[in-house]
Every structure is written in C-alpha cells, then in structure tokens.
Amino acid sequence: MKDFPKIWFLRHGQTEWNAERRVQGQLESDLTELGITHAHRQAELMTPILQAHQPPCFVSPLRRAQHTARIALSGRGYETEPALAEVHAGRFQGLTIDEIAAQFPQVDAQAMTHLDLFCAAPEGEGYASLHDRVLALLRRLEQPSVLVAHGLLGQVVRGLICGLERDEMAALPNEQGCVYVLEQGQETVLR
C-alpha cells in the first residue's frame, strides 16, 4: 500500500445527538456548548500548524463538521469533500443506542463496537463501502492535508494510515477537541 501524506484529522465537536447517545450517521445535529469548546481547543492546536505548513483543508459536508471547521480552522478557507461524510447508518439513524438494542436485538448482540454496529445497520452503507470510500480519498491526497470529519469515518482513516485491521480500527478512541496527527504509519494526538 502506498504511503499517504501527513494528515491532521479533526473529529467534530460534541453534538446534541452525541450527548443523547443518538445515532447521527448522515443526519444532522448541532454542536452543543461543549462541542463549540472542543472546536475552540482544536483552533488553539491548529493555529501554529496552519501558519507553518499552509496545508489544504478538506471538510465533510455535514453541518456539525462544517461548524467545527469554521471555528477550528480560524476562518481559513477549506474545500467541502463529500467523501468525508460519516458512514450512512441506514435505519439506525435517529435512534438512540438503547432504541437500537430494543428494536434490533440480533444486530446489537453481534456488534462489539460502534463501528461494527453502525456498519451492520439495515439499509446502511456497510463497512466495505466506507472503507473503499476512505481509501479512495486518501489515495487522492497529494500533500500534507487537514481533514475535518467524523468519529467512525475517522477510525477508518486512522486505521488505514496506521495499517490496522478492522477490529483494531474499531477499538481506536474517538476523542473530540483534539487533533490526530497521522504520519508514516504512526498516530500522535495533540490535546
């Protein structure tokens, strides 16, 4: 597999639905006050990086990532990249984790992680499609870049760059308010 350029990956700040443990997928939910604080923390971390490196910035089209990017990138221009949208979680979108467990007990019983659960959603995108979409995006990047997107998509981005298997990707932490720096198959986290 080819080496990917250096990536600064930012997950959006906490949303109202994150706080409710409600599946967003490709539905919309606004940042909470804590989520706005997360984005401001990312802005503190990103300011010297943006000044020193002038990397291109690519952002998911979903509102929570767009809002995070406007704050975290301190108003710097960016390109909206459809391939950075969160995994489509099919019939799970809009449901809480508890509602999924009650309505889809057979799926819930087999899913050990959120990545497994969301990718097993009836009428959803599925893991293979998400993996291929992320890999195609990474292969298109020609220089060190900033990506502002989502937790599960981010696990796949980070896992592909670090050479992880699916179960290892699914076990990665999904922090908000930090910056994941991915370079030469390694991840460091700026907090």
C-alpha atoms as a PDB file:
ATOM      1  CA  MET A   1       0.000   0.000   0.000  1.00  0.00           C
ATOM      2  CA  LYS A   2       1.267   3.472  -0.854  1.00  0.00           C
ATOM      3  CA  ASP A   3       2.446   5.863   1.791  1.00  0.00           C
ATOM      4  CA  PHE A   4      -0.076   8.567   2.493  1.00  0.00           C
ATOM      5  CA  PRO A   5       0.828  12.198   3.074  1.00  0.00           C
ATOM      6  CA  LYS A   6       0.772  13.582   6.597  1.00  0.00           C
ATOM      7  CA  ILE A   7      -2.786  14.127   7.856  1.00  0.00           C
ATOM      8  CA  TRP A   8      -4.121  16.293  10.658  1.00  0.00           C
ATOM      9  CA  PHE A   9      -7.506  14.726  11.455  1.00  0.00           C
ATOM     10  CA  LEU A  10     -10.144  16.564  13.487  1.00  0.00           C
ATOM     11  CA  ARG A  11     -13.373  14.971  14.640  1.00  0.00           C
ATOM     12  CA  HIS A  12     -16.251  17.430  15.009  1.00  0.00           C
ATOM     13  CA  GLY A  13     -17.128  18.685  18.481  1.00  0.00           C
ATOM     14  CA  GLN A  14     -19.836  17.110  20.614  1.00  0.00           C
ATOM     15  CA  THR A  15     -23.343  17.402  19.169  1.00  0.00           C
ATOM     16  CA  GLU A  16     -26.768  17.314  20.795  1.00  0.00           C
ATOM     17  CA  TRP A  17     -27.228  13.774  19.477  1.00  0.00           C
ATOM     18  CA  ASN A  18     -23.785  12.678  20.749  1.00  0.00           C
ATOM     19  CA  ALA A  19     -24.899  13.807  24.205  1.00  0.00           C
ATOM     20  CA  GLU A  20     -28.142  11.796  23.830  1.00  0.00           C
ATOM     21  CA  ARG A  21     -26.284   8.703  22.535  1.00  0.00           C
ATOM     22  CA  ARG A  22     -28.370   9.026  19.349  1.00  0.00           C
ATOM     23  CA  VAL A  23     -27.022   7.750  16.016  1.00  0.00           C
ATOM     24  CA  GLN A  24     -26.387  10.591  13.583  1.00  0.00           C
ATOM     25  CA  GLY A  25     -24.823   8.877  10.586  1.00  0.00           C
ATOM     26  CA  GLN A  26     -25.594  11.299   7.759  1.00  0.00           C
ATOM     27  CA  LEU A  27     -28.433  13.077   9.582  1.00  0.00           C
ATOM     28  CA  GLU A  28     -27.814  16.499  11.098  1.00  0.00           C
ATOM     29  CA  SER A  29     -27.376  17.558  14.728  1.00  0.00           C
ATOM     30  CA  ASP A  30     -25.948  20.818  16.052  1.00  0.00           C
ATOM     31  CA  LEU A  31     -22.906  21.298  18.259  1.00  0.00           C
ATOM     32  CA  THR A  32     -23.516  21.663  21.986  1.00  0.00           C
ATOM     33  CA  GLU A  33     -21.753  24.338  24.038  1.00  0.00           C
ATOM     34  CA  LEU A  34     -19.187  21.642  24.909  1.00  0.00           C
ATOM     35  CA  GLY A  35     -18.848  20.880  21.189  1.00  0.00           C
ATOM     36  CA  ILE A  36     -18.101  24.540  20.482  1.00  0.00           C
ATOM     37  CA  THR A  37     -15.488  24.431  23.269  1.00  0.00           C
ATOM     38  CA  HIS A  38     -13.989  21.326  21.590  1.00  0.00           C
ATOM     39  CA  ALA A  39     -13.677  23.247  18.305  1.00  0.00           C
ATOM     40  CA  HIS A  40     -12.045  26.224  20.025  1.00  0.00           C
ATOM     41  CA  ARG A  41      -9.496  23.868  21.598  1.00  0.00           C
ATOM     42  CA  GLN A  42      -8.761  22.473  18.142  1.00  0.00           C
ATOM     43  CA  ALA A  43      -8.293  26.050  16.887  1.00  0.00           C
ATOM     44  CA  GLU A  44      -5.617  26.602  19.546  1.00  0.00           C
ATOM     45  CA  LEU A  45      -3.855  23.425  18.437  1.00  0.00           C
ATOM     46  CA  MET A  46      -4.230  24.097  14.704  1.00  0.00           C
ATOM     47  CA  THR A  47      -3.202  27.776  14.541  1.00  0.00           C
ATOM     48  CA  PRO A  48       0.564  27.159  14.574  1.00  0.00           C
ATOM     49  CA  ILE A  49       0.180  24.185  12.193  1.00  0.00           C
ATOM     50  CA  LEU A  50      -1.845  26.195   9.696  1.00  0.00           C
ATOM     51  CA  GLN A  51       0.625  29.067   9.863  1.00  0.00           C
ATOM     52  CA  ALA A  52       3.706  26.875   9.500  1.00  0.00           C
ATOM     53  CA  HIS A  53       2.501  24.424   6.845  1.00  0.00           C
ATOM     54  CA  GLN A  54      -0.376  26.101   4.952  1.00  0.00           C
ATOM     55  CA  PRO A  55      -1.971  22.687   4.261  1.00  0.00           C
ATOM     56  CA  PRO A  56      -5.102  22.298   2.168  1.00  0.00           C
ATOM     57  CA  CYS A  57      -8.155  21.622   4.337  1.00  0.00           C
ATOM     58  CA  PHE A  58     -10.998  19.264   3.454  1.00  0.00           C
ATOM     59  CA  VAL A  59     -14.257  19.105   5.405  1.00  0.00           C
ATOM     60  CA  SER A  60     -17.273  16.796   5.491  1.00  0.00           C
ATOM     61  CA  PRO A  61     -20.427  18.342   4.023  1.00  0.00           C
ATOM     62  CA  LEU A  62     -22.379  17.619   7.215  1.00  0.00           C
ATOM     63  CA  ARG A  63     -23.287  20.657   9.326  1.00  0.00           C
ATOM     64  CA  ARG A  64     -21.540  19.557  12.534  1.00  0.00           C
ATOM     65  CA  ALA A  65     -18.206  19.192  10.722  1.00  0.00           C
ATOM     66  CA  GLN A  66     -18.698  22.461   8.815  1.00  0.00           C
ATOM     67  CA  HIS A  67     -19.390  24.321  12.088  1.00  0.00           C
ATOM     68  CA  THR A  68     -16.352  22.720  13.732  1.00  0.00           C
ATOM     69  CA  ALA A  69     -14.165  23.611  10.743  1.00  0.00           C
ATOM     70  CA  ARG A  70     -15.189  27.289  10.751  1.00  0.00           C
ATOM     71  CA  ILE A  71     -14.012  27.521  14.371  1.00  0.00           C
ATOM     72  CA  ALA A  72     -11.089  25.064  14.402  1.00  0.00           C
ATOM     73  CA  LEU A  73      -9.544  26.456  11.219  1.00  0.00           C
ATOM     74  CA  SER A  74      -9.984  30.039  12.492  1.00  0.00           C
ATOM     75  CA  GLY A  75     -11.890  31.113   9.409  1.00  0.00           C
ATOM     76  CA  ARG A  76      -9.323  29.723   6.966  1.00  0.00           C
ATOM     77  CA  GLY A  77     -10.726  28.560   3.638  1.00  0.00           C
ATOM     78  CA  TYR A  78     -11.451  24.892   3.065  1.00  0.00           C
ATOM     79  CA  GLU A  79     -12.932  22.574   0.464  1.00  0.00           C
ATOM     80  CA  THR A  80     -16.085  20.597   1.213  1.00  0.00           C
ATOM     81  CA  GLU A  81     -15.340  16.937   0.445  1.00  0.00           C
ATOM     82  CA  PRO A  82     -18.375  14.607   0.116  1.00  0.00           C
ATOM     83  CA  ALA A  83     -16.198  11.523   0.735  1.00  0.00           C
ATOM     84  CA  LEU A  84     -15.679  12.737   4.323  1.00  0.00           C
ATOM     85  CA  ALA A  85     -19.364  12.334   5.290  1.00  0.00           C
ATOM     86  CA  GLU A  86     -19.951   9.941   8.187  1.00  0.00           C
ATOM     87  CA  VAL A  87     -20.936   6.341   7.424  1.00  0.00           C
ATOM     88  CA  HIS A  88     -24.615   6.109   6.470  1.00  0.00           C
ATOM     89  CA  ALA A  89     -26.196   4.141   9.301  1.00  0.00           C
ATOM     90  CA  GLY A  90     -29.410   3.233   7.488  1.00  0.00           C
ATOM     91  CA  ARG A  91     -32.392   2.508   9.723  1.00  0.00           C
ATOM     92  CA  PHE A  92     -30.323   3.228  12.848  1.00  0.00           C
ATOM     93  CA  GLN A  93     -30.051   6.940  12.036  1.00  0.00           C
ATOM     94  CA  GLY A  94     -32.050   8.997  14.527  1.00  0.00           C
ATOM     95  CA  LEU A  95     -32.336   6.161  17.059  1.00  0.00           C
ATOM     96  CA  THR A  96     -30.589   6.049  20.412  1.00  0.00           C
ATOM     97  CA  ILE A  97     -28.201   3.202  21.194  1.00  0.00           C
ATOM     98  CA  ASP A  98     -30.836   1.829  23.624  1.00  0.00           C
ATOM     99  CA  GLU A  99     -33.565   2.006  20.959  1.00  0.00           C
ATOM    100  CA  ILE A 100     -31.351   0.068  18.548  1.00  0.00           C
ATOM    101  CA  ALA A 101     -30.751  -2.605  21.198  1.00  0.00           C
ATOM    102  CA  ALA A 102     -34.505  -2.910  21.764  1.00  0.00           C
ATOM    103  CA  GLN A 103     -35.589  -2.840  18.090  1.00  0.00           C
ATOM    104  CA  PHE A 104     -32.683  -4.794  16.545  1.00  0.00           C
ATOM    105  CA  PRO A 105     -31.523  -7.155  19.318  1.00  0.00           C
ATOM    106  CA  GLN A 106     -29.916  -9.675  16.938  1.00  0.00           C
ATOM    107  CA  VAL A 107     -27.732  -6.964  15.326  1.00  0.00           C
ATOM    108  CA  ASP A 108     -26.942  -5.335  18.659  1.00  0.00           C
ATOM    109  CA  ALA A 109     -25.880  -8.666  20.202  1.00  0.00           C
ATOM    110  CA  GLN A 110     -23.301  -9.262  17.451  1.00  0.00           C
ATOM    111  CA  ALA A 111     -21.849  -5.736  17.314  1.00  0.00           C
ATOM    112  CA  MET A 112     -18.993  -5.321  19.759  1.00  0.00           C
ATOM    113  CA  THR A 113     -18.177  -1.691  18.834  1.00  0.00           C
ATOM    114  CA  HIS A 114     -19.937   1.357  17.401  1.00  0.00           C
ATOM    115  CA  LEU A 115     -18.134   0.854  14.078  1.00  0.00           C
ATOM    116  CA  ASP A 116     -19.488  -2.707  13.926  1.00  0.00           C
ATOM    117  CA  LEU A 117     -22.987  -1.582  14.918  1.00  0.00           C
ATOM    118  CA  PHE A 118     -23.302   1.333  12.509  1.00  0.00           C
ATOM    119  CA  CYS A 119     -21.865  -0.690   9.623  1.00  0.00           C
ATOM    120  CA  ALA A 120     -24.365  -3.507  10.293  1.00  0.00           C
ATOM    121  CA  ALA A 121     -27.378  -1.181  10.047  1.00  0.00           C
ATOM    122  CA  PRO A 122     -30.161  -2.381   7.752  1.00  0.00           C
ATOM    123  CA  GLU A 123     -30.231  -0.226   4.601  1.00  0.00           C
ATOM    124  CA  GLY A 124     -26.918   1.363   5.647  1.00  0.00           C
ATOM    125  CA  GLU A 125     -23.666   1.878   3.814  1.00  0.00           C
ATOM    126  CA  GLY A 126     -21.763  -1.004   5.369  1.00  0.00           C
ATOM    127  CA  TYR A 127     -18.091  -1.341   6.197  1.00  0.00           C
ATOM    128  CA  ALA A 128     -16.773  -2.320   2.750  1.00  0.00           C
ATOM    129  CA  SER A 129     -18.247   0.763   1.094  1.00  0.00           C
ATOM    130  CA  LEU A 130     -16.992   3.062   3.872  1.00  0.00           C
ATOM    131  CA  HIS A 131     -13.512   1.503   3.688  1.00  0.00           C
ATOM    132  CA  ASP A 132     -13.347   1.892  -0.099  1.00  0.00           C
ATOM    133  CA  ARG A 133     -14.613   5.493   0.032  1.00  0.00           C
ATOM    134  CA  VAL A 134     -11.998   6.476   2.632  1.00  0.00           C
ATOM    135  CA  LEU A 135      -9.180   4.656   0.861  1.00  0.00           C
ATOM    136  CA  ALA A 136     -10.011   6.350  -2.454  1.00  0.00           C
ATOM    137  CA  LEU A 137      -9.938   9.757  -0.745  1.00  0.00           C
ATOM    138  CA  LEU A 138      -6.595   9.075   0.945  1.00  0.00           C
ATOM    139  CA  ARG A 139      -5.089   7.948  -2.354  1.00  0.00           C
ATOM    140  CA  ARG A 140      -6.156  11.239  -3.970  1.00  0.00           C
ATOM    141  CA  LEU A 141      -4.321  13.385  -1.412  1.00  0.00           C
ATOM    142  CA  GLU A 142      -1.061  14.689  -2.852  1.00  0.00           C
ATOM    143  CA  GLN A 143       0.324  16.702   0.057  1.00  0.00           C
ATOM    144  CA  PRO A 144       0.002  17.054   3.834  1.00  0.00           C
ATOM    145  CA  SER A 145      -3.656  17.887   4.490  1.00  0.00           C
ATOM    146  CA  VAL A 146      -6.198  18.681   7.186  1.00  0.00           C
ATOM    147  CA  LEU A 147      -9.364  16.567   7.335  1.00  0.00           C
ATOM    148  CA  VAL A 148     -12.348  17.616   9.457  1.00  0.00           C
ATOM    149  CA  ALA A 149     -14.948  14.884   9.696  1.00  0.00           C
ATOM    150  CA  HIS A 150     -16.499  12.266  11.983  1.00  0.00           C
ATOM    151  CA  GLY A 151     -15.674   9.638  14.563  1.00  0.00           C
ATOM    152  CA  LEU A 152     -16.311   6.364  12.758  1.00  0.00           C
ATOM    153  CA  LEU A 153     -15.010   7.631   9.429  1.00  0.00           C
ATOM    154  CA  GLY A 154     -12.000   8.873  11.387  1.00  0.00           C
ATOM    155  CA  GLN A 155     -11.362   5.444  12.850  1.00  0.00           C
ATOM    156  CA  VAL A 156     -11.116   4.098   9.291  1.00  0.00           C
ATOM    157  CA  VAL A 157      -8.886   6.983   8.133  1.00  0.00           C
ATOM    158  CA  ARG A 158      -6.578   6.496  11.102  1.00  0.00           C
ATOM    159  CA  GLY A 159      -6.629   2.712  10.772  1.00  0.00           C
ATOM    160  CA  LEU A 160      -5.772   2.727   7.070  1.00  0.00           C
ATOM    161  CA  ILE A 161      -2.858   5.089   7.579  1.00  0.00           C
ATOM    162  CA  CYS A 162      -1.566   3.069  10.535  1.00  0.00           C
ATOM    163  CA  GLY A 163      -2.045  -0.298   8.798  1.00  0.00           C
ATOM    164  CA  LEU A 164      -4.642  -1.594  11.251  1.00  0.00           C
ATOM    165  CA  GLU A 165      -7.173  -4.386  10.790  1.00  0.00           C
ATOM    166  CA  ARG A 166     -10.880  -3.623  11.106  1.00  0.00           C
ATOM    167  CA  ASP A 167     -11.163  -4.779  14.729  1.00  0.00           C
ATOM    168  CA  GLU A 168      -8.162  -2.611  15.658  1.00  0.00           C
ATOM    169  CA  MET A 169      -9.716   0.399  13.897  1.00  0.00           C
ATOM    170  CA  ALA A 170     -12.969  -0.160  15.785  1.00  0.00           C
ATOM    171  CA  ALA A 171     -11.083  -0.130  19.101  1.00  0.00           C
ATOM    172  CA  LEU A 172      -9.468   3.273  18.483  1.00  0.00           C
ATOM    173  CA  PRO A 173     -10.572   6.057  20.843  1.00  0.00           C
ATOM    174  CA  ASN A 174     -12.870   8.687  19.360  1.00  0.00           C
ATOM    175  CA  GLU A 175     -11.935  11.842  21.234  1.00  0.00           C
ATOM    176  CA  GLN A 176     -13.330  15.253  20.458  1.00  0.00           C
ATOM    177  CA  GLY A 177     -11.427  18.502  20.943  1.00  0.00           C
ATOM    178  CA  CYS A 178      -8.073  17.040  19.896  1.00  0.00           C
ATOM    179  CA  VAL A 179      -6.054  16.695  16.698  1.00  0.00           C
ATOM    180  CA  TYR A 180      -4.885  13.302  15.437  1.00  0.00           C
ATOM    181  CA  VAL A 181      -1.567  13.629  13.597  1.00  0.00           C
ATOM    182  CA  LEU A 182      -1.004  10.753  11.175  1.00  0.00           C
ATOM    183  CA  GLU A 183       2.377  10.354   9.535  1.00  0.00           C
ATOM    184  CA  GLN A 184       4.433   7.423   8.242  1.00  0.00           C
ATOM    185  CA  GLY A 185       2.044   4.838   9.664  1.00  0.00           C
ATOM    186  CA  GLN A 186       2.014   6.376  13.152  1.00  0.00           C
ATOM    187  CA  GLU A 187      -0.537   8.376  15.136  1.00  0.00           C
ATOM    188  CA  THR A 188       0.094  11.028  17.744  1.00  0.00           C
ATOM    189  CA  VAL A 189      -2.631  13.011  19.479  1.00  0.00           C
ATOM    190  CA  LEU A 190      -2.416  16.716  20.221  1.00  0.00           C
ATOM    191  CA  ARG A 191      -4.593  17.753  23.177  1.00  0.00           C
END
